[in-house]
N, C-alpha and C. Protein backbone atom coordinates (compact mmCIF):
# COMPACT_ATOMS: atom_id res chain seq x y z
N UNK A 1 -16.54 -196.66 167.56
CA UNK A 1 -17.04 -197.52 166.73
C UNK A 1 -18.47 -197.21 166.23
N UNK A 2 -19.07 -196.76 166.15
CA UNK A 2 -21.15 -196.39 165.23
C UNK A 2 -21.71 -197.29 165.14
N UNK A 3 -22.47 -197.13 165.76
CA UNK A 3 -23.46 -198.62 164.97
C UNK A 3 -24.92 -197.87 164.31
N UNK A 4 -25.51 -199.18 163.79
CA UNK A 4 -26.34 -198.14 163.22
C UNK A 4 -26.94 -199.39 162.82
N UNK A 5 -28.17 -198.91 162.99
CA UNK A 5 -29.22 -200.40 162.57
C UNK A 5 -29.26 -201.40 163.16
N UNK A 6 -28.57 -202.03 164.48
CA UNK A 6 -28.09 -203.11 164.74
C UNK A 6 -26.66 -203.69 164.29
N UNK A 7 -25.99 -202.62 163.22
CA UNK A 7 -24.40 -203.40 162.90
C UNK A 7 -23.79 -202.45 162.97
N UNK A 8 -22.35 -203.32 163.37
CA UNK A 8 -21.56 -202.08 163.07
C UNK A 8 -20.82 -201.74 161.94
N UNK A 9 -20.95 -200.78 162.27
CA UNK A 9 -20.28 -200.09 160.86
C UNK A 9 -18.53 -200.00 161.27
N UNK A 10 -17.74 -200.55 159.97
CA UNK A 10 -16.38 -200.88 159.70
C UNK A 10 -15.13 -199.56 160.36
N UNK A 11 -15.95 -198.72 159.15
CA UNK A 11 -14.92 -197.58 159.56
C UNK A 11 -15.72 -196.10 160.30
N UNK A 12 -14.62 -195.40 161.41
CA UNK A 12 -15.15 -194.70 162.94
C UNK A 12 -16.02 -193.57 161.61
N UNK A 13 -16.23 -193.48 161.35
CA UNK A 13 -17.59 -192.70 160.75
C UNK A 13 -18.43 -191.57 161.74
N UNK A 14 -18.62 -190.69 162.02
CA UNK A 14 -19.57 -189.69 163.40
C UNK A 14 -20.77 -189.69 162.58
N UNK A 15 -21.49 -189.27 163.02
CA UNK A 15 -22.98 -189.42 162.78
C UNK A 15 -22.75 -188.09 161.94
N UNK A 16 -23.00 -188.15 160.42
CA UNK A 16 -23.31 -187.15 159.47
C UNK A 16 -24.34 -187.33 158.53
N UNK A 17 -24.90 -186.08 158.67
CA UNK A 17 -25.85 -185.95 157.23
C UNK A 17 -24.55 -186.81 155.95
N UNK A 18 -24.17 -187.16 155.68
CA UNK A 18 -23.41 -187.71 154.83
C UNK A 18 -23.56 -189.13 154.57
N UNK A 19 -24.15 -189.57 153.29
CA UNK A 19 -23.99 -190.85 152.73
C UNK A 19 -22.18 -191.72 153.22
N UNK A 20 -22.24 -193.11 153.22
CA UNK A 20 -21.14 -193.68 153.13
C UNK A 20 -19.69 -193.47 152.16
N UNK A 21 -21.45 -193.46 150.64
CA UNK A 21 -20.14 -193.30 149.40
C UNK A 21 -20.17 -191.38 148.64
N UNK A 22 -20.73 -190.69 149.86
CA UNK A 22 -20.46 -189.39 149.66
C UNK A 22 -19.17 -188.90 150.71
N UNK A 23 -19.00 -189.82 151.47
CA UNK A 23 -18.27 -189.47 152.13
C UNK A 23 -16.67 -190.23 151.64
N UNK A 24 -16.23 -191.18 151.11
CA UNK A 24 -15.83 -191.66 150.12
C UNK A 24 -15.07 -191.58 149.27
N UNK A 25 -16.14 -190.26 148.18
CA UNK A 25 -16.12 -189.31 147.17
C UNK A 25 -14.82 -188.36 147.86
N UNK A 26 -15.24 -187.90 149.04
CA UNK A 26 -14.93 -186.97 149.91
C UNK A 26 -13.23 -187.16 149.78
N UNK A 27 -12.74 -187.66 150.42
CA UNK A 27 -12.18 -188.53 150.54
C UNK A 27 -10.92 -188.61 148.77
N UNK A 28 -12.19 -189.54 147.94
CA UNK A 28 -10.71 -189.46 146.85
C UNK A 28 -11.03 -188.49 146.27
N UNK A 29 -11.14 -187.54 147.00
CA UNK A 29 -10.52 -186.20 145.74
C UNK A 29 -9.89 -185.69 146.95
N UNK A 30 -10.18 -185.17 147.78
CA UNK A 30 -8.81 -185.25 148.85
C UNK A 30 -7.73 -185.42 148.52
N UNK A 31 -7.63 -187.12 148.77
CA UNK A 31 -6.62 -187.93 148.14
C UNK A 31 -6.31 -187.53 146.59
N UNK A 32 -6.65 -187.32 145.23
CA UNK A 32 -6.66 -186.57 144.37
C UNK A 32 -5.71 -185.48 144.09
N UNK A 33 -6.35 -184.43 145.17
CA UNK A 33 -5.35 -183.09 145.23
C UNK A 33 -4.18 -183.75 145.90
N UNK A 34 -4.04 -183.83 146.78
CA UNK A 34 -2.68 -184.15 147.62
C UNK A 34 -1.32 -184.78 146.36
N UNK A 35 -2.10 -185.83 145.50
CA UNK A 35 -1.00 -186.28 145.39
C UNK A 35 -0.48 -185.47 143.89
N UNK A 36 -1.40 -184.57 142.62
CA UNK A 36 -1.00 -183.84 141.77
C UNK A 36 -0.52 -182.72 142.35
N UNK A 37 1.04 -181.98 141.64
CA UNK A 37 0.99 -180.57 141.96
C UNK A 37 -0.14 -180.09 141.43
N UNK A 38 0.02 -178.88 141.80
CA UNK A 38 -1.35 -177.73 141.18
C UNK A 38 -0.08 -176.78 140.78
N UNK A 39 -0.78 -176.62 139.45
CA UNK A 39 0.16 -175.34 138.92
C UNK A 39 -1.02 -174.00 139.07
N UNK A 40 -0.19 -173.27 138.90
CA UNK A 40 -1.15 -172.05 139.24
C UNK A 40 -2.07 -170.99 138.22
N UNK A 41 -1.82 -172.85 136.78
CA UNK A 41 -3.14 -171.94 135.74
C UNK A 41 -4.10 -173.29 135.52
N UNK A 42 -3.87 -173.83 136.60
CA UNK A 42 -5.32 -175.20 136.37
C UNK A 42 -5.61 -175.71 138.14
N UNK A 43 -7.08 -176.87 137.85
CA UNK A 43 -7.02 -176.87 139.18
C UNK A 43 -8.50 -175.99 139.99
N UNK A 44 -8.91 -175.91 140.56
CA UNK A 44 -9.77 -174.77 141.15
C UNK A 44 -8.81 -174.11 142.87
N UNK A 45 -7.18 -175.71 143.60
CA UNK A 45 -5.92 -174.68 144.28
C UNK A 45 -5.30 -174.21 143.31
N UNK A 46 -4.53 -174.77 142.39
CA UNK A 46 -4.14 -173.40 141.68
C UNK A 46 -4.46 -171.73 141.42
N UNK A 47 -5.54 -172.12 140.96
CA UNK A 47 -6.52 -170.70 140.28
C UNK A 47 -6.69 -170.44 141.66
N UNK A 48 -6.89 -170.91 143.26
CA UNK A 48 -7.36 -169.78 144.14
C UNK A 48 -6.05 -168.67 144.83
N UNK A 49 -4.68 -170.09 143.48
CA UNK A 49 -3.37 -168.93 144.12
C UNK A 49 -3.48 -167.85 143.10
N UNK A 50 -3.43 -167.55 142.23
CA UNK A 50 -3.48 -167.41 141.38
C UNK A 50 -4.57 -166.07 141.76
N UNK A 51 -5.37 -166.19 141.88
CA UNK A 51 -6.06 -165.18 142.82
C UNK A 51 -5.43 -164.57 143.45
N UNK A 52 -5.21 -165.50 143.92
CA UNK A 52 -4.75 -164.80 145.03
C UNK A 52 -3.45 -164.27 145.20
N UNK A 53 -2.67 -164.58 144.15
CA UNK A 53 -1.35 -163.82 143.86
C UNK A 53 -1.81 -162.19 143.33
N UNK A 54 -2.27 -163.01 142.59
CA UNK A 54 -3.54 -161.58 141.90
C UNK A 54 -3.52 -160.29 142.84
N UNK A 55 -4.04 -160.68 144.04
CA UNK A 55 -4.73 -159.89 144.81
C UNK A 55 -4.04 -158.99 145.50
N UNK A 56 -3.10 -160.26 145.59
CA UNK A 56 -1.97 -159.90 147.01
C UNK A 56 -0.81 -158.55 145.68
N UNK A 57 -0.90 -158.78 145.03
CA UNK A 57 -0.11 -157.93 143.99
C UNK A 57 -0.99 -156.67 143.98
N UNK A 58 -1.94 -156.51 143.45
CA UNK A 58 -2.87 -155.87 143.19
C UNK A 58 -2.11 -155.14 144.61
N UNK A 59 -3.01 -155.51 146.12
CA UNK A 59 -2.64 -154.95 147.44
C UNK A 59 -1.80 -154.52 147.65
N UNK A 60 -0.31 -154.89 146.90
CA UNK A 60 1.06 -153.93 147.00
C UNK A 60 0.95 -153.36 146.03
N UNK A 61 0.80 -153.03 145.21
CA UNK A 61 0.25 -152.18 144.04
C UNK A 61 0.26 -151.23 144.47
N UNK A 62 -1.33 -151.51 145.21
CA UNK A 62 -2.30 -150.07 145.63
C UNK A 62 -1.35 -149.60 147.32
N UNK A 63 -0.97 -150.55 148.22
CA UNK A 63 -0.24 -149.43 148.74
C UNK A 63 1.46 -148.89 148.35
N UNK A 64 2.06 -149.55 146.85
CA UNK A 64 3.17 -148.84 146.44
C UNK A 64 2.34 -147.27 146.07
N UNK A 65 1.78 -147.45 145.02
CA UNK A 65 1.30 -146.20 144.86
C UNK A 65 0.40 -145.36 145.59
N UNK A 66 0.03 -145.36 147.49
CA UNK A 66 -0.31 -145.12 148.26
C UNK A 66 1.11 -144.42 148.60
N UNK A 67 2.01 -144.93 149.10
CA UNK A 67 3.19 -144.41 148.90
C UNK A 67 3.88 -143.62 148.30
N UNK A 68 4.39 -143.84 147.17
CA UNK A 68 3.74 -143.12 145.75
C UNK A 68 3.48 -141.70 145.91
N UNK A 69 2.11 -141.69 145.73
CA UNK A 69 1.84 -140.68 146.05
C UNK A 69 1.96 -139.22 147.41
N UNK A 70 1.91 -140.14 148.64
CA UNK A 70 2.46 -139.43 149.67
C UNK A 70 3.49 -139.49 149.40
N UNK A 71 4.49 -139.80 149.28
CA UNK A 71 5.82 -138.70 148.93
C UNK A 71 5.87 -137.93 147.47
N UNK A 72 4.68 -138.31 146.78
CA UNK A 72 4.91 -137.34 145.62
C UNK A 72 4.27 -135.56 146.66
N UNK A 73 3.41 -136.03 147.59
CA UNK A 73 2.74 -134.12 148.51
C UNK A 73 3.62 -134.59 149.28
N UNK A 74 4.70 -135.08 149.68
CA UNK A 74 5.86 -134.37 150.41
C UNK A 74 6.65 -133.47 149.64
N UNK A 75 6.78 -133.75 148.07
CA UNK A 75 7.77 -133.34 147.36
C UNK A 75 7.58 -132.04 146.58
N UNK A 76 5.99 -132.49 146.67
CA UNK A 76 5.15 -131.19 146.39
C UNK A 76 4.92 -129.87 147.33
N UNK A 77 4.06 -130.52 148.44
CA UNK A 77 4.64 -129.25 150.09
C UNK A 77 6.73 -128.64 150.22
N UNK A 78 7.50 -129.89 149.94
CA UNK A 78 8.51 -128.46 150.29
C UNK A 78 8.74 -127.86 148.96
N UNK A 79 8.63 -128.18 147.80
CA UNK A 79 8.63 -127.46 146.70
C UNK A 79 8.09 -126.29 147.14
N UNK A 80 6.34 -125.69 147.30
CA UNK A 80 5.80 -125.38 147.09
C UNK A 80 6.25 -123.97 148.73
N UNK A 81 6.93 -124.83 149.81
CA UNK A 81 6.99 -124.42 151.02
C UNK A 81 8.91 -123.06 150.12
N UNK A 82 9.48 -124.08 149.38
CA UNK A 82 10.66 -123.04 148.91
C UNK A 82 10.59 -122.21 147.93
N UNK A 83 8.88 -122.55 147.35
CA UNK A 83 8.82 -121.30 146.35
C UNK A 83 8.44 -120.24 147.39
N UNK A 84 7.76 -120.37 148.38
CA UNK A 84 6.73 -119.36 149.13
C UNK A 84 7.97 -118.30 149.84
N UNK A 85 9.26 -119.08 150.31
CA UNK A 85 10.67 -118.53 151.19
C UNK A 85 11.28 -118.09 150.26
N UNK A 86 11.15 -118.40 148.73
CA UNK A 86 12.04 -117.67 147.56
C UNK A 86 11.67 -116.60 147.13
N UNK A 87 9.76 -116.78 146.78
CA UNK A 87 9.14 -115.29 146.99
C UNK A 87 9.55 -114.23 147.98
N UNK A 88 9.35 -114.48 149.38
CA UNK A 88 9.84 -113.82 150.83
C UNK A 88 10.69 -113.11 150.86
N UNK A 89 12.07 -113.81 150.15
CA UNK A 89 13.41 -113.76 150.17
C UNK A 89 13.11 -113.07 148.96
N UNK A 90 12.60 -112.58 147.82
CA UNK A 90 12.77 -111.97 146.52
C UNK A 90 12.07 -110.57 147.01
N UNK A 91 10.64 -110.77 147.43
CA UNK A 91 10.29 -109.85 148.40
C UNK A 91 10.77 -108.36 148.99
N UNK A 92 11.45 -109.47 149.72
CA UNK A 92 12.57 -108.06 150.40
C UNK A 92 13.53 -107.76 150.03
N UNK A 93 14.12 -108.08 148.80
CA UNK A 93 15.31 -108.01 147.94
C UNK A 93 14.61 -106.97 147.22
N UNK A 94 13.47 -106.78 146.83
CA UNK A 94 13.47 -105.59 145.40
C UNK A 94 12.62 -104.59 146.52
N UNK A 95 12.56 -104.85 147.96
CA UNK A 95 11.73 -103.98 148.70
C UNK A 95 13.17 -102.94 149.31
N UNK A 96 13.76 -103.97 149.73
CA UNK A 96 15.74 -103.03 149.82
C UNK A 96 16.15 -101.92 148.73
N UNK A 97 15.51 -103.12 147.53
CA UNK A 97 15.99 -101.91 145.83
C UNK A 97 15.25 -100.61 145.56
N UNK A 98 14.32 -101.07 146.20
CA UNK A 98 13.06 -100.10 145.84
C UNK A 98 13.84 -99.14 146.59
N UNK A 99 14.23 -99.55 147.95
CA UNK A 99 14.87 -98.30 148.83
C UNK A 99 15.95 -97.75 148.97
N UNK A 100 16.87 -98.42 148.17
CA UNK A 100 18.14 -98.39 147.81
C UNK A 100 18.02 -97.24 146.53
N UNK A 101 17.50 -97.69 145.38
CA UNK A 101 16.72 -96.59 144.83
C UNK A 101 16.72 -95.30 145.18
N UNK A 102 15.50 -95.12 145.94
CA UNK A 102 14.94 -94.13 146.36
C UNK A 102 15.81 -93.40 146.57
N UNK A 103 17.11 -93.63 148.04
CA UNK A 103 17.91 -93.10 147.75
C UNK A 103 18.80 -92.83 147.81
N UNK A 104 19.22 -93.64 146.41
CA UNK A 104 20.14 -93.05 144.89
C UNK A 104 19.19 -91.72 144.75
N UNK A 105 18.16 -91.50 144.31
CA UNK A 105 17.32 -90.51 143.28
C UNK A 105 17.21 -88.99 144.34
N UNK A 106 17.23 -89.46 145.62
CA UNK A 106 17.02 -88.47 146.42
C UNK A 106 18.73 -87.68 146.85
N UNK A 107 19.39 -88.52 146.93
CA UNK A 107 20.97 -88.26 146.79
C UNK A 107 21.26 -87.60 145.15
N UNK A 108 20.81 -88.15 144.57
CA UNK A 108 21.17 -87.39 142.41
C UNK A 108 20.79 -86.11 143.17
N UNK A 109 19.06 -85.66 143.07
CA UNK A 109 18.80 -84.38 143.23
C UNK A 109 19.26 -83.67 144.13
N UNK A 110 19.29 -83.89 145.40
CA UNK A 110 20.17 -83.05 145.68
C UNK A 110 21.55 -82.65 145.38
N UNK A 111 22.37 -83.47 145.20
CA UNK A 111 23.62 -83.01 144.38
C UNK A 111 23.69 -82.65 143.47
N UNK A 112 22.19 -82.48 142.31
CA UNK A 112 21.80 -82.06 140.86
C UNK A 112 21.79 -80.32 141.76
N UNK A 113 20.76 -80.72 142.83
CA UNK A 113 20.67 -78.43 142.93
C UNK A 113 22.15 -77.90 143.10
N UNK A 114 23.43 -79.02 144.23
CA UNK A 114 24.31 -78.52 145.09
C UNK A 114 25.21 -78.08 143.64
N UNK A 115 25.24 -78.95 142.65
CA UNK A 115 25.74 -78.74 141.09
C UNK A 115 24.90 -77.37 140.10
N UNK A 116 23.94 -77.30 140.14
CA UNK A 116 23.27 -76.25 139.89
C UNK A 116 23.51 -74.92 140.27
N UNK A 117 23.36 -75.48 141.80
CA UNK A 117 23.80 -73.40 142.83
C UNK A 117 25.77 -73.28 142.33
N UNK A 118 26.91 -74.64 142.32
CA UNK A 118 28.10 -74.18 142.28
C UNK A 118 28.29 -73.64 140.50
N UNK A 119 27.06 -73.99 140.01
CA UNK A 119 27.77 -73.62 138.24
C UNK A 119 27.24 -72.27 138.63
N UNK A 120 26.43 -71.62 139.19
CA UNK A 120 25.36 -70.57 139.03
C UNK A 120 26.36 -69.47 140.03
N UNK A 121 27.10 -70.19 141.08
CA UNK A 121 28.36 -69.29 141.84
C UNK A 121 29.78 -68.85 141.02
N UNK A 122 30.14 -69.87 140.14
CA UNK A 122 31.07 -69.97 139.59
C UNK A 122 30.94 -68.90 138.45
N UNK A 123 30.06 -69.01 137.95
CA UNK A 123 29.72 -67.88 136.69
C UNK A 123 29.66 -66.96 137.28
N UNK A 124 28.96 -66.22 138.70
CA UNK A 124 28.79 -64.87 138.77
C UNK A 124 30.56 -64.50 139.20
N UNK A 125 31.12 -65.34 139.72
CA UNK A 125 32.55 -65.21 140.08
C UNK A 125 32.94 -64.64 139.13
N UNK A 126 33.10 -65.36 137.69
CA UNK A 126 33.47 -65.33 136.76
C UNK A 126 33.55 -63.74 135.97
N UNK A 127 31.99 -63.09 136.54
CA UNK A 127 32.28 -62.37 136.12
C UNK A 127 32.77 -61.70 136.93
N UNK A 128 32.32 -61.89 138.19
CA UNK A 128 33.44 -59.85 138.82
C UNK A 128 35.00 -60.74 138.22
N UNK A 129 35.08 -61.58 138.59
CA UNK A 129 36.44 -61.24 137.63
C UNK A 129 36.91 -61.38 136.50
N UNK A 130 36.24 -61.14 135.94
CA UNK A 130 36.44 -60.05 134.59
C UNK A 130 36.10 -59.25 134.59
N UNK A 131 35.55 -58.47 135.67
CA UNK A 131 35.14 -56.81 136.45
C UNK A 131 36.49 -56.69 136.93
N UNK A 132 37.24 -57.23 137.78
CA UNK A 132 38.41 -56.30 138.78
C UNK A 132 39.40 -56.71 137.52
N UNK A 133 39.36 -57.60 136.39
CA UNK A 133 40.70 -57.71 135.75
C UNK A 133 39.81 -56.26 134.49
N UNK A 134 39.15 -55.79 134.06
CA UNK A 134 39.06 -54.65 133.61
C UNK A 134 39.46 -53.72 133.87
N UNK A 135 38.68 -54.18 134.89
CA UNK A 135 39.24 -51.99 136.35
C UNK A 135 40.99 -52.07 136.72
N UNK A 136 41.64 -53.28 136.39
CA UNK A 136 42.85 -53.52 136.77
C UNK A 136 43.64 -52.91 135.36
N UNK A 137 42.89 -53.06 134.38
CA UNK A 137 43.40 -53.08 132.74
C UNK A 137 43.15 -51.36 132.80
N UNK A 138 42.31 -51.34 133.02
CA UNK A 138 41.96 -49.25 132.84
C UNK A 138 42.98 -48.29 133.82
N UNK A 139 43.22 -49.42 135.00
CA UNK A 139 44.45 -48.50 136.05
C UNK A 139 45.31 -48.55 135.28
N UNK A 140 46.08 -49.98 134.40
CA UNK A 140 47.10 -49.82 134.57
C UNK A 140 47.05 -49.09 133.26
N UNK A 141 46.20 -48.98 132.35
CA UNK A 141 46.17 -47.79 131.33
C UNK A 141 46.35 -46.91 131.72
N UNK A 142 45.99 -45.94 132.32
CA UNK A 142 46.62 -45.01 132.76
C UNK A 142 47.25 -43.97 132.92
C-alpha cells in the first residue's frame, strides 16, 4: 500500500509519473484490446500482425530468391564446366582427325608416286614385250 499526502490509496499503485486517471485509461485500453479479436486489417495489433507477416513474407521471398540465385549460379557454373570439357574433347578430337587426315594424305601421295612408277614400268615392259614379239615374228617368218 502506498501513502500519498498522509492518505491511503486504495489500489496498489507504484509511485510513477502517471496519475490515477491515466492508469485507469491504460487499463481500459488493455482490457478493451484483449476482449476484441484483432482482425489483420483493423486496429493497431492487427495491423502489426499484417506488417509482421508482410515483412516475414518479404524476408522469406528474399531468402528464396537468394537460394534460387545460388542454384542458378551453380547450374550456370556446371553448364560452363560441361561446355569447357566439351570444347577440350572436341579440340582433342579435331587434332586427332587432322593428324589422321595428314597421315592419309601422306599415304595417298606415297601410293600415287608408287602407282606412277608402276605405270611407267608397265609401259616400259609393254614396249620391250612388243619389241620381243616383233623380233620373234621376224625370226619365225624367215
